[in-house]
C-alpha atoms as a PDB file:
ATOM      1  CA  HIS A   1      43.968 -60.528 -16.243  1.00  0.00           C
ATOM      2  CA  GLU A   2      40.758 -62.549 -16.596  1.00  0.00           C
ATOM      3  CA  GLN A   3      42.732 -65.753 -16.506  1.00  0.00           C
ATOM      4  CA  LEU A   4      44.325 -64.660 -13.244  1.00  0.00           C
ATOM      5  CA  ILE A   5      40.894 -63.876 -11.789  1.00  0.00           C
ATOM      6  CA  LYS A   6      39.595 -67.258 -12.948  1.00  0.00           C
ATOM      7  CA  MET A   7      42.596 -68.988 -11.355  1.00  0.00           C
ATOM      8  CA  MET A   8      42.021 -67.110  -8.102  1.00  0.00           C
ATOM      9  CA  GLU A   9      38.327 -68.051  -8.133  1.00  0.00           C
ATOM     10  CA  GLU A  10      39.211 -71.710  -8.650  1.00  0.00           C
ATOM     11  CA  ARG A  11      41.708 -71.558  -5.796  1.00  0.00           C
ATOM     12  CA  MET A  12      39.094 -69.902  -3.577  1.00  0.00           C
ATOM     13  CA  MET A  13      36.563 -72.589  -4.438  1.00  0.00           C
ATOM     14  CA  ASP A  14      39.171 -75.239  -3.691  1.00  0.00           C
ATOM     15  CA  VAL A  15      40.025 -73.589  -0.371  1.00  0.00           C
ATOM     16  CA  GLU A  16      36.321 -73.284   0.512  1.00  0.00           C
ATOM     17  CA  GLN A  17      35.787 -76.958  -0.277  1.00  0.00           C
ATOM     18  CA  LYS A  18      38.747 -77.907   1.888  1.00  0.00           C
ATOM     19  CA  LEU A  19      37.447 -75.676   4.690  1.00  0.00           C
ATOM     20  CA  ARG A  20      34.017 -77.360   4.514  1.00  0.00           C
ATOM     21  CA  LEU A  21      35.731 -80.742   4.712  1.00  0.00           C
ATOM     22  CA  VAL A  22      37.826 -79.646   7.697  1.00  0.00           C
ATOM     23  CA  LYS A  23      34.715 -78.203   9.360  1.00  0.00           C
ATOM     24  CA  ARG A  24      32.869 -81.519   8.875  1.00  0.00           C
ATOM     25  CA  LEU A  25      35.842 -83.463  10.258  1.00  0.00           C
ATOM     26  CA  LEU A  26      36.016 -81.132  13.265  1.00  0.00           C
ATOM     27  CA  GLN A  27      32.286 -81.515  13.895  1.00  0.00           C
ATOM     28  CA  ASP A  28      32.665 -85.293  13.787  1.00  0.00           C
ATOM     29  CA  LYS A  29      35.586 -85.092  16.206  1.00  0.00           C
ATOM     30  CA  VAL A  30      33.604 -82.823  18.565  1.00  0.00           C
ATOM     31  CA  HIS A  31      30.714 -85.297  18.478  1.00  0.00           C
ATOM     32  CA  GLN A  32      33.089 -88.182  19.142  1.00  0.00           C
ATOM     33  CA  LEU A  33      34.703 -86.346  22.063  1.00  0.00           C
ATOM     34  CA  LYS A  34      31.307 -85.472  23.545  1.00  0.00           C
ATOM     35  CA  GLU A  35      30.329 -89.143  23.426  1.00  0.00           C
ATOM     36  CA  GLN A  36      33.621 -90.100  25.059  1.00  0.00           C
ATOM     37  CA  LEU A  37      33.099 -87.479  27.773  1.00  0.00           C
ATOM     38  CA  SER A  38      29.638 -88.875  28.445  1.00  0.00           C
ATOM     39  CA  LYS A  39      31.028 -92.411  28.710  1.00  0.00           C
ATOM     40  CA  ASN A  40      33.850 -91.229  30.975  1.00  0.00           C
ATOM     41  CA  THR A  41      31.387 -89.405  33.211  1.00  0.00           C
ATOM     42  CA  LYS A  42      29.285 -92.555  33.545  1.00  0.00           C
ATOM     43  CA  ALA A  43      32.368 -94.666  34.210  1.00  0.00           C
ATOM     44  CA  ASP A  44      33.539 -92.161  36.836  1.00  0.00           C
ATOM     45  CA  ALA A  45      30.171 -92.357  38.583  1.00  0.00           C
ATOM     46  CA  MET A  46      30.358 -96.164  38.514  1.00  0.00           C
ATOM     47  CA  VAL A  47      33.875 -96.110  39.983  1.00  0.00           C
ATOM     48  CA  LYS A  48      32.697 -93.829  42.787  1.00  0.00           C
ATOM     49  CA  ASP A  49      29.722 -96.121  43.486  1.00  0.00           C
ATOM     50  CA  LEU A  50      32.023 -99.146  43.537  1.00  0.00           C
ATOM     51  CA  TYR A  51      34.408 -97.342  45.888  1.00  0.00           C
ATOM     52  CA  VAL A  52      31.548 -96.612  48.318  1.00  0.00           C
ATOM     53  CA  GLU A  53      30.229-100.166  48.016  1.00  0.00           C
ATOM     54  CA  ASN A  54      33.724-101.563  48.609  1.00  0.00           C
ATOM     55  CA  ALA A  55      34.102 -99.442  51.746  1.00  0.00           C
ATOM     56  CA  GLN A  56      30.744-100.713  53.022  1.00  0.00           C
ATOM     57  CA  LEU A  57      31.722-104.312  52.288  1.00  0.00           C
ATOM     58  CA  LEU A  58      35.058-103.881  54.078  1.00  0.00           C
ATOM     59  CA  LYS A  59      33.264-102.502  57.137  1.00  0.00           C
ATOM     60  CA  ALA A  60      30.805-105.403  57.075  1.00  0.00           C
ATOM     61  CA  LEU A  61      33.716-107.848  56.754  1.00  0.00           C
ATOM     62  CA  GLU A  62      35.508-106.261  59.714  1.00  0.00           C
ATOM     63  CA  MET A  63      32.346-106.533  61.823  1.00  0.00           C
ATOM     64  CA  THR A  64      31.872-110.162  60.788  1.00  0.00           C
ATOM     65  CA  GLU A  65      35.486-110.988  61.624  1.00  0.00           C
ATOM     66  CA  GLN A  66      35.091-109.311  65.019  1.00  0.00           C
ATOM     67  CA  ARG A  67      31.926-111.335  65.707  1.00  0.00           C
ATOM     68  CA  GLN A  68      33.773-114.502  64.681  1.00  0.00           C
ATOM     69  CA  ARG A  69      36.649-113.737  67.068  1.00  0.00           C
ATOM     70  CA  THR A  70      34.162-113.065  69.877  1.00  0.00           C
ATOM     71  CA  ALA A  71      32.336-116.324  69.158  1.00  0.00           C
ATOM     72  CA  GLU A  72      35.638-118.234  69.088  1.00  0.00           C
ATOM     73  CA  ARG A  73      36.608-116.743  72.480  1.00  0.00           C
ATOM     74  CA  LYS A  74      33.237-117.650  73.956  1.00  0.00           C
ATOM     75  CA  ASN A  75      33.513-121.135  72.499  1.00  0.00           C
ATOM     76  CA  TYR A  76      36.982-121.547  74.033  1.00  0.00           C
ATOM     77  CA  LEU A  77      35.695-120.405  77.440  1.00  0.00           C
ATOM     78  CA  LEU A  78      32.746-122.791  77.204  1.00  0.00           C
ATOM     79  CA  GLU A  79      35.071-125.670  76.316  1.00  0.00           C
ATOM     80  CA  GLU A  80      37.210-124.826  79.356  1.00  0.00           C
ATOM     81  CA  LYS A  81      34.111-124.762  81.571  1.00  0.00           C
ATOM     82  CA  ILE A  82      32.988-128.117  80.178  1.00  0.00           C
ATOM     83  CA  ALA A  83      36.436-129.596  80.833  1.00  0.00           C
ATOM     84  CA  ASN A  84      36.382-128.199  84.395  1.00  0.00           C
ATOM     85  CA  LEU A  85      32.874-129.547  84.990  1.00  0.00           C
ATOM     86  CA  ASN A  86      33.938-132.937  83.667  1.00  0.00           C
ATOM     87  CA  ARG A  87      36.866-132.945  86.142  1.00  0.00           C
ATOM     88  CA  ILE A  88      34.553-131.961  88.980  1.00  0.00           C
ATOM     89  CA  VAL A  89      32.065-134.682  88.062  1.00  0.00           C
ATOM     90  CA  LYS A  90      34.914-137.205  87.756  1.00  0.00           C
ATOM     91  CA  ASN A  91      36.307-136.163  91.168  1.00  0.00           C
ATOM     92  CA  LEU A  92      32.856-136.340  92.756  1.00  0.00           C
ATOM     93  CA  ALA A  93      32.163-139.711  91.199  1.00  0.00           C
ATOM     94  CA  SER A  94      35.550-141.222  92.160  1.00  0.00           C
ATOM     95  CA  PRO A  95      35.090-141.202  95.950  1.00  0.00           C
ATOM     96  CA  SER A  96      31.640-142.712  95.714  1.00  0.00           C
ATOM     97  CA  PHE A  97      33.020-145.740  93.843  1.00  0.00           C
ATOM     98  CA  ASN A  98      35.596-146.326  96.572  1.00  0.00           C
END
């Protein structure tokens, strides 16, 4: 009977030791997961900031492209006016040489 009790005590001690080990492993895993959650939260915030910044940059690019198109149109109109003025000057100058 005493031998059976001793065996049971040894098994209980073994089980307790294993439980302490499992508890320690679980605590380590919880700590690791908390760190990962913190990193993921920071990364998520960075992604959101980059998304907002990208949207702002796209809007700025669109405005710049629109300004460029406007400037190109104005430049084209000015070149046409210069060409027309050159024709007028050439026509005015031609009769005076005759």
